[in-house]
Protein backbone atom coordinates (compact mmCIF):
# COMPACT_ATOMS: atom_id res chain seq x y z
CA MET A 1 -49.28 7.78 75.79
CA ASN A 2 -46.39 6.67 73.25
CA ASP A 3 -45.60 8.63 69.96
CA ILE A 4 -45.02 6.84 66.68
CA SER A 5 -41.63 5.51 67.82
CA GLY A 6 -42.79 4.14 71.01
CA ARG A 7 -41.67 6.59 73.30
CA LYS A 8 -43.73 7.59 76.37
CA PHE A 9 -45.16 11.12 76.88
CA ASN A 10 -46.21 12.69 79.99
CA ILE A 11 -49.68 14.22 79.05
CA GLY A 12 -49.53 16.77 81.98
CA ALA A 13 -46.15 18.05 81.01
CA LEU A 14 -47.49 18.23 77.35
CA VAL A 15 -50.33 19.99 78.03
CA LYS A 16 -48.55 22.49 80.35
CA SER A 17 -46.00 23.25 77.72
CA ASN A 18 -48.58 23.88 75.00
CA LEU A 19 -50.61 26.21 77.37
CA ARG A 20 -47.49 28.23 77.82
CA ASN A 21 -46.45 28.37 74.18
CA TYR A 22 -50.06 29.22 73.18
CA SER A 23 -51.31 30.99 75.92
CA MET A 24 -51.37 34.42 74.11
CA PHE A 25 -53.95 32.87 71.56
CA ILE A 26 -55.94 31.51 74.48
CA ILE A 27 -56.18 35.11 76.09
CA LEU A 28 -57.13 36.68 72.70
CA ILE A 29 -59.84 34.35 72.29
CA VAL A 30 -61.11 34.89 75.83
CA ILE A 31 -60.65 38.67 75.31
CA MET A 32 -63.08 38.52 72.21
CA LEU A 33 -65.74 36.25 73.95
CA VAL A 34 -65.84 38.52 77.01
CA PHE A 35 -66.42 41.41 74.89
CA GLY A 36 -68.79 39.57 72.60
CA PRO A 37 -72.05 39.84 74.65
CA LEU A 38 -70.97 43.57 75.94
CA CYS A 39 -71.17 45.03 72.22
CA ASN A 40 -73.81 42.75 70.95
CA TRP A 41 -71.12 40.49 69.09
CA THR A 42 -70.36 43.40 66.77
CA ASN A 43 -66.67 42.58 67.36
CA PHE A 44 -66.88 39.34 65.49
CA LYS A 45 -68.52 40.89 62.31
CA GLY A 46 -66.44 40.85 59.34
CA ARG A 47 -66.40 44.69 58.89
CA ASN A 48 -65.26 45.06 62.44
CA ILE A 49 -62.43 42.54 62.02
CA THR A 50 -61.26 44.23 58.65
CA TYR A 51 -61.04 47.55 60.54
CA ILE A 52 -59.04 46.28 63.16
CA PHE A 53 -56.30 45.31 60.61
CA PHE A 54 -56.80 48.66 59.03
CA GLN A 55 -56.48 50.80 62.38
CA PHE A 56 -53.87 48.86 64.12
CA SER A 57 -51.73 47.58 61.23
CA TYR A 58 -48.99 50.06 62.22
CA VAL A 59 -48.78 48.36 65.64
CA PHE A 60 -47.87 45.03 64.12
CA ILE A 61 -45.35 46.50 61.85
CA LEU A 62 -43.73 48.51 64.48
CA ALA A 63 -43.64 45.50 66.96
CA THR A 64 -41.89 43.43 64.53
CA GLY A 65 -39.08 45.78 64.84
CA MET A 66 -39.33 46.49 68.52
CA VAL A 67 -39.29 42.95 69.43
CA GLN A 68 -35.40 42.90 68.01
CA CYS A 69 -34.69 45.99 69.85
CA ILE A 70 -35.72 44.71 73.22
CA ILE A 71 -34.21 41.14 72.60
CA ILE A 72 -30.74 42.80 72.33
CA GLY A 73 -31.51 44.78 75.56
CA GLY A 74 -32.53 48.19 73.80
CA ILE A 75 -35.40 49.91 73.08
CA ASP A 76 -36.71 52.65 70.58
CA LEU A 77 -38.79 55.63 71.70
CA SER A 78 -38.61 57.63 68.61
CA VAL A 79 -40.75 55.33 66.28
CA GLY A 80 -43.80 57.58 66.82
CA SER A 81 -41.82 60.80 65.74
CA ILE A 82 -40.22 59.10 62.89
CA CYS A 83 -43.40 57.81 61.50
CA ALA A 84 -44.87 61.52 61.40
CA PHE A 85 -41.85 62.78 59.97
CA ILE A 86 -41.45 60.06 57.15
CA GLY A 87 -45.18 60.23 56.58
CA ALA A 88 -44.93 63.87 55.93
CA LEU A 89 -42.03 63.67 53.64
CA SER A 90 -43.73 60.52 51.83
CA ALA A 91 -46.89 62.67 51.14
CA TYR A 92 -44.78 65.54 49.57
CA ILE A 93 -43.09 62.85 47.51
CA TYR A 94 -46.15 61.31 46.52
CA ASN A 95 -47.74 64.57 45.51
CA THR A 96 -44.77 65.11 42.95
CA GLY A 97 -46.56 62.50 40.84
CA VAL A 98 -43.95 59.49 41.25
CA GLY A 99 -46.65 56.94 42.24
CA LEU A 100 -47.31 54.75 45.20
CA PHE A 101 -44.62 52.21 44.69
CA VAL A 102 -41.81 54.88 44.32
CA THR A 103 -43.17 56.72 47.48
CA ILE A 104 -43.12 53.29 49.44
CA LEU A 105 -39.61 52.77 48.25
CA ALA A 106 -38.41 56.30 49.23
CA ALA A 107 -40.27 55.79 52.84
CA LEU A 108 -38.38 52.49 53.42
CA VAL A 109 -34.88 54.18 52.40
CA MET A 110 -35.59 57.01 54.64
CA GLY A 111 -36.34 54.78 57.50
CA PHE A 112 -33.26 52.80 56.99
CA ILE A 113 -31.27 56.06 57.10
CA LEU A 114 -32.74 57.31 60.25
CA GLY A 115 -32.53 53.97 61.90
CA ALA A 116 -28.58 53.81 60.81
CA PHE A 117 -28.12 57.35 62.24
CA GLN A 118 -29.69 56.37 65.60
CA GLY A 119 -28.08 52.79 65.54
CA TRP A 120 -24.58 54.29 65.07
CA PHE A 121 -24.76 56.21 68.24
CA ILE A 122 -26.14 53.18 70.12
CA ALA A 123 -23.67 50.60 68.60
CA TYR A 124 -20.33 52.52 68.48
CA PRO A 125 -20.14 55.29 70.78
CA LYS A 126 -22.12 52.98 72.98
CA ILE A 127 -24.70 55.80 74.03
CA PRO A 128 -27.84 54.19 75.86
CA PRO A 129 -30.65 53.41 73.39
CA PHE A 130 -32.87 55.21 76.01
CA ILE A 131 -31.11 58.25 75.39
CA VAL A 132 -30.42 58.15 71.62
CA THR A 133 -34.09 57.47 70.83
CA LEU A 134 -35.47 59.95 73.50
CA ALA A 135 -33.37 62.60 71.64
CA GLY A 136 -34.71 61.08 68.48
CA MET A 137 -38.26 61.36 69.62
CA LEU A 138 -37.95 65.21 70.18
CA LEU A 139 -35.55 65.92 67.11
CA PHE A 140 -37.98 64.17 64.56
CA ARG A 141 -41.26 65.48 66.15
CA GLY A 142 -39.70 69.07 65.69
CA LEU A 143 -38.47 68.44 62.20
CA THR A 144 -42.15 67.12 61.41
CA TYR A 145 -43.54 70.41 62.66
CA ILE A 146 -40.95 72.46 60.56
CA VAL A 147 -41.50 70.54 57.32
CA THR A 148 -45.34 70.56 57.46
CA ASN A 149 -45.44 74.13 58.97
CA VAL A 150 -47.84 72.45 61.51
CA ASN A 151 -50.37 71.76 58.77
CA PRO A 152 -51.66 68.54 57.38
CA VAL A 153 -50.24 67.18 53.88
CA ASN A 154 -53.02 65.76 52.11
CA PRO A 155 -52.18 63.12 49.08
CA ILE A 156 -53.40 64.25 45.66
CA ASP A 157 -55.57 61.28 45.24
CA ASP A 158 -56.94 57.98 47.06
CA VAL A 159 -54.58 55.70 45.58
CA TYR A 160 -52.12 56.51 48.46
CA SER A 161 -54.54 55.10 50.80
CA TYR A 162 -54.83 51.77 48.96
CA LEU A 163 -52.14 50.11 50.95
CA ALA A 164 -53.75 50.93 54.31
CA THR A 165 -57.45 50.80 53.37
CA GLY A 166 -57.72 48.91 50.12
CA THR A 167 -58.66 45.39 49.43
CA VAL A 168 -57.41 42.88 46.72
CA ASP A 169 -61.03 42.18 45.63
CA GLU A 170 -62.44 45.69 45.33
CA ASP A 171 -59.43 47.76 44.52
CA LEU A 172 -56.99 45.42 42.62
CA LEU A 173 -59.54 43.09 41.05
CA HIS A 174 -62.23 45.80 40.65
CA MET A 175 -64.86 43.25 41.91
CA GLU A 176 -68.22 45.26 42.50
CA GLU A 177 -70.08 42.27 43.95
CA PRO A 178 -69.04 39.27 46.06
CA ASN A 179 -69.51 36.30 43.55
CA PHE A 180 -68.05 33.27 45.61
CA PHE A 181 -71.14 32.17 47.62
CA GLY A 182 -71.86 35.54 48.51
CA HIS A 183 -68.26 36.25 49.57
CA TYR A 184 -65.23 37.84 48.01
CA PRO A 185 -62.59 35.04 47.15
CA ALA A 186 -59.31 36.44 47.47
CA SER A 187 -59.04 35.71 51.21
CA PHE A 188 -59.92 32.15 50.82
CA VAL A 189 -57.37 31.52 48.11
CA LEU A 190 -54.59 33.18 50.44
CA ALA A 191 -55.86 31.02 53.39
CA LEU A 192 -55.43 27.73 51.13
CA ILE A 193 -51.86 28.80 50.27
CA ILE A 194 -50.90 29.65 53.70
CA LEU A 195 -52.37 26.13 55.05
CA VAL A 196 -50.79 24.13 52.36
CA ILE A 197 -47.34 25.68 53.23
CA LEU A 198 -47.95 25.39 56.88
CA TRP A 199 -48.95 21.59 56.77
CA LEU A 200 -46.11 20.86 54.47
CA LEU A 201 -43.37 22.58 56.82
CA GLU A 202 -44.88 21.02 59.71
CA PHE A 203 -44.76 17.35 58.51
CA ARG A 204 -41.28 18.09 56.95
CA ASN A 205 -40.10 19.31 60.46
CA ARG A 206 -41.73 16.46 62.13
CA LYS A 207 -40.13 14.04 59.78
CA ALA A 208 -36.64 15.53 60.48
CA LYS A 209 -37.15 15.26 64.01
CA LEU A 210 -37.98 11.71 63.93
CA ALA A 211 -34.90 10.96 61.75
CA ASN A 212 -32.77 12.81 64.21
CA GLY A 213 -34.13 10.73 67.08
CA SER A 214 -35.73 13.92 68.77
CA ASP A 215 -38.87 13.73 70.75
CA VAL A 216 -42.10 14.91 68.91
CA THR A 217 -45.76 15.13 70.01
CA PRO A 218 -48.04 12.18 69.56
CA PRO A 219 -49.93 12.09 66.23
CA ALA A 220 -53.34 13.03 67.76
CA PHE A 221 -51.82 16.16 69.48
CA PHE A 222 -49.94 16.92 66.24
CA ILE A 223 -52.95 16.75 63.77
CA GLY A 224 -55.27 18.39 66.37
CA LYS A 225 -52.95 21.37 66.52
CA LEU A 226 -52.87 21.68 62.71
CA VAL A 227 -56.65 21.40 62.64
CA LEU A 228 -57.12 24.09 65.22
CA ILE A 229 -54.84 26.70 63.39
CA SER A 230 -56.58 25.67 60.10
CA ALA A 231 -59.91 26.30 61.43
CA LEU A 232 -58.83 29.77 62.92
CA VAL A 233 -57.17 30.72 59.46
CA ILE A 234 -60.32 29.77 57.67
CA ALA A 235 -62.64 31.59 60.12
CA LEU A 236 -60.41 34.82 59.55
CA ALA A 237 -60.33 34.46 55.81
CA GLU A 238 -64.20 34.09 55.91
CA ARG A 239 -64.69 37.43 58.05
CA PHE A 240 -62.45 39.18 55.49
CA ALA A 241 -64.59 37.64 52.65
CA GLU A 242 -67.84 38.93 54.01
CA TYR A 243 -66.75 42.53 53.77
CA ARG A 244 -64.86 44.01 51.03
CA GLY A 245 -62.51 41.30 50.76
CA LEU A 246 -58.83 40.53 51.64
CA PRO A 247 -57.18 43.67 52.84
CA ILE A 248 -53.97 44.69 51.14
CA VAL A 249 -52.34 45.61 54.37
CA VAL A 250 -52.88 42.05 55.50
CA ILE A 251 -50.68 40.93 52.67
CA VAL A 252 -48.08 43.46 53.57
CA LEU A 253 -48.06 42.31 57.25
CA LEU A 254 -47.81 38.60 56.18
CA VAL A 255 -44.71 39.25 53.99
CA THR A 256 -43.18 41.66 56.80
CA VAL A 257 -43.82 39.14 59.64
CA GLY A 258 -42.73 35.98 57.42
CA ILE A 259 -39.36 37.76 56.55
CA PHE A 260 -38.49 38.82 60.12
CA HIS A 261 -39.56 35.57 61.49
CA PHE A 262 -37.34 33.76 59.22
CA VAL A 263 -34.55 36.20 59.98
CA LEU A 264 -34.69 35.55 63.66
CA LYS A 265 -35.39 31.70 63.61
CA ASN A 266 -33.49 30.45 60.60
CA THR A 267 -30.45 32.71 60.03
CA VAL A 268 -27.10 33.44 61.55
CA LEU A 269 -28.10 36.95 62.21
CA GLY A 270 -30.92 35.87 64.16
CA ARG A 271 -28.88 33.62 66.34
CA TYR A 272 -26.55 36.54 66.77
CA ILE A 273 -29.28 38.82 67.72
CA TYR A 274 -30.54 36.24 70.60
CA ALA A 275 -26.99 35.78 71.69
CA VAL A 276 -26.21 39.67 72.08
CA GLY A 277 -29.54 39.81 74.02
CA GLY A 278 -28.82 36.85 76.21
CA ASN A 279 -25.29 38.02 77.17
CA ALA A 280 -23.43 40.78 75.14
CA ARG A 281 -20.04 40.23 76.90
CA SER A 282 -19.95 36.46 76.16
CA ALA A 283 -21.12 37.03 72.55
CA LYS A 284 -18.37 39.50 72.11
CA LEU A 285 -15.84 36.92 73.49
CA SER A 286 -17.33 34.38 71.05
CA GLY A 287 -16.17 36.37 68.28
CA ILE A 288 -19.73 37.98 67.38
CA ASN A 289 -19.50 41.76 66.25
CA THR A 290 -22.06 42.84 68.76
CA GLU A 291 -21.76 46.54 67.53
CA PHE A 292 -22.71 45.64 64.09
CA VAL A 293 -25.48 43.34 65.22
CA THR A 294 -26.98 46.15 67.25
CA PHE A 295 -26.50 48.67 64.43
CA ILE A 296 -28.23 46.27 61.96
CA VAL A 297 -31.27 45.80 64.44
CA PHE A 298 -31.79 49.41 64.60
CA CYS A 299 -31.77 49.81 60.57
CA PHE A 300 -34.32 47.00 60.56
CA MET A 301 -36.29 49.22 63.07
CA GLY A 302 -36.04 52.38 61.03
CA THR A 303 -37.09 50.70 57.89
CA LEU A 304 -40.01 49.23 59.49
CA THR A 305 -41.08 52.44 60.87
CA GLY A 306 -40.96 53.96 57.26
CA LEU A 307 -43.42 51.26 56.22
CA ALA A 308 -45.61 52.03 59.24
CA ALA A 309 -45.46 55.81 58.19
CA VAL A 310 -46.86 54.93 54.64
CA VAL A 311 -49.49 52.73 56.26
CA THR A 312 -50.49 55.30 58.77
CA THR A 313 -50.71 58.20 56.43
CA GLY A 314 -52.67 56.08 54.10
CA TYR A 315 -55.18 55.18 56.89
CA MET A 316 -55.73 58.60 57.73
CA ASN A 317 -55.45 59.72 54.08
CA SER A 318 -53.32 62.65 55.54
CA ALA A 319 -50.02 63.45 57.01
CA LEU A 320 -50.73 64.95 60.38
CA PRO A 321 -47.90 66.91 62.13
CA GLN A 322 -49.29 65.27 65.43
CA ALA A 323 -49.42 61.67 63.88
CA GLY A 324 -47.55 58.82 65.78
CA ASN A 325 -48.41 60.07 69.16
CA MET A 326 -48.01 57.05 71.57
CA PHE A 327 -46.98 54.71 68.81
CA GLU A 328 -43.99 53.49 70.72
CA MET A 329 -46.07 52.77 73.78
CA ASP A 330 -48.55 50.62 71.74
CA ALA A 331 -45.26 48.75 69.98
CA ILE A 332 -43.76 48.32 73.23
CA ALA A 333 -46.93 46.99 75.01
CA ALA A 334 -47.46 44.58 72.18
CA CYS A 335 -43.94 43.18 72.76
CA TYR A 336 -44.21 42.55 76.60
CA ILE A 337 -47.70 41.17 76.20
CA GLY A 338 -46.42 38.73 73.24
CA GLY A 339 -43.86 37.40 75.68
CA VAL A 340 -40.76 39.42 75.20
CA SER A 341 -38.67 39.13 78.21
CA ALA A 342 -37.87 42.62 79.87
CA SER A 343 -34.42 41.19 80.54
CA GLY A 344 -33.77 40.86 76.76
CA GLY A 345 -32.75 37.51 74.79
CA ILE A 346 -36.28 36.20 74.77
CA GLY A 347 -39.06 36.92 72.36
CA THR A 348 -40.60 36.04 68.94
CA VAL A 349 -42.08 37.79 66.02
CA ILE A 350 -45.27 35.76 66.10
CA GLY A 351 -45.53 36.30 69.75
CA VAL A 352 -45.66 40.20 69.54
CA VAL A 353 -47.98 40.17 66.62
CA VAL A 354 -50.20 38.25 68.93
CA GLY A 355 -49.71 40.58 71.66
CA GLY A 356 -50.61 43.46 69.29
CA LEU A 357 -53.85 41.52 68.36
CA VAL A 358 -54.60 41.47 72.24
CA MET A 359 -54.09 45.13 72.39
CA ALA A 360 -56.19 45.54 69.28
CA ALA A 361 -59.12 43.59 70.65
CA ILE A 362 -58.99 45.44 73.93
CA ASN A 363 -59.14 48.87 72.34
CA ASN A 364 -61.56 47.76 69.84
CA GLY A 365 -63.96 46.25 72.48
CA MET A 366 -63.80 49.30 74.70
CA THR A 367 -64.52 51.55 71.50
CA LEU A 368 -67.54 49.39 70.82
CA MET A 369 -68.62 49.95 74.14
CA ASN A 370 -68.22 53.63 73.83
CA LEU A 371 -65.60 54.00 76.55
CA GLY A 372 -63.33 56.96 76.12
CA ALA A 373 -59.54 56.60 75.19
CA HIS A 374 -58.82 57.79 78.80
CA TYR A 375 -60.26 54.22 79.99
CA GLN A 376 -57.88 52.54 77.21
CA TYR A 377 -54.99 54.16 78.63
CA VAL A 378 -55.68 52.70 82.09
CA VAL A 379 -56.36 49.25 80.64
CA LYS A 380 -53.20 49.30 78.44
CA ALA A 381 -51.15 50.22 81.35
CA LEU A 382 -52.44 47.61 83.82
CA VAL A 383 -52.06 45.03 80.94
CA VAL A 384 -48.37 45.78 80.36
CA LEU A 385 -47.80 45.93 84.01
CA LEU A 386 -49.16 42.49 84.39
CA ALA A 387 -47.23 40.96 81.48
CA VAL A 388 -43.76 42.42 82.73
CA PHE A 389 -44.69 41.12 86.35
CA TYR A 390 -45.54 37.78 84.93
CA ASP A 391 -42.40 37.82 82.96
CA VAL A 392 -40.08 38.66 86.02
CA TYR A 393 -42.13 36.40 88.24
CA SER A 394 -41.58 33.27 85.94
CA ARG A 395 -37.91 34.08 85.53
CA ARG A 396 -37.42 34.13 89.24
CA LYS A 397 -39.47 30.99 89.92
CA ALA A 398 -37.04 29.39 87.04
CA GLY A 399 -33.97 30.63 88.71
CA LEU A 400 -33.13 32.93 85.80
CA GLY A 401 -32.81 36.11 87.59
């Protein structure tokens, strides 16, 4: 097959490349289809899809930061404890009457400070991140118990929970009934905006590649990919529109993921992060300030943990002293399932979000089947082990390690 410029394509290689790039999407769809008949297709209903994002939004937020830590060869074991600590402090701050916006801003600032605190020990004295964040896990869990006196901290009203469980249609637009052909409209508007931006960017990138003489996929494959993505976006929007409308937390996730995807893929800092993860010594010899890059990455992680703390507290509508248990494991699992290399230097924000969706779909499916948390732990462990095994195997097969 030829592209528009007449160059020939190997169809087999093209299909193989796309299967590798989009394997997580395929796995996610397969998981949903497998659980479908086992739970009477409840997992595809709008109510269930919405609650997946309500319940597991913290995973996507934390994984967005964790992927950067793993790319540079580090890890953060403290995110669960920091979530609990900042969640408790943010609830106290909110209860002073300052409002939700100031509370969110305060949580982000606190997260940045705690991330900087740990990042300094990792970047400059060069204490291994495993040790620093393990100490942080114990430190901030203990501080959480101290500041809460091992008692829940309840927000003074339900507005705090809007960020985690509110919807644009019901809570911001105050729509009491769906009025767009039996659906709420906000998710369709957002889907349209996303698709217009996506198509414009894809066509612009394709045009730039052709102008530079780079290889591009045949038009049929290119259009087919965009049509498939568009269908999935519209289908998800329809599920949201069926039940309560567009979740506010989905907008938060889109902004967060979009910012850090752009940072990693389109900025000098992003290139430095990958360079440090690929070979820190070579990056240092090339003039990259590897210590500062490491420091910034953990500042990012801390800031995102602060955001996750507000979302988690809002979802439970209470700051619990034991909140955040195993959050770090969920974030790390999402990263490895989403294609992050255990050796560092490889990974994408979009990949780990899909990895988080895979974990959420598995947890949700087993919950709908009334299987206990102990079964979920077993499945999570096996999935993570298989993901890391696949990474190590593929790298050895490619002669990379």
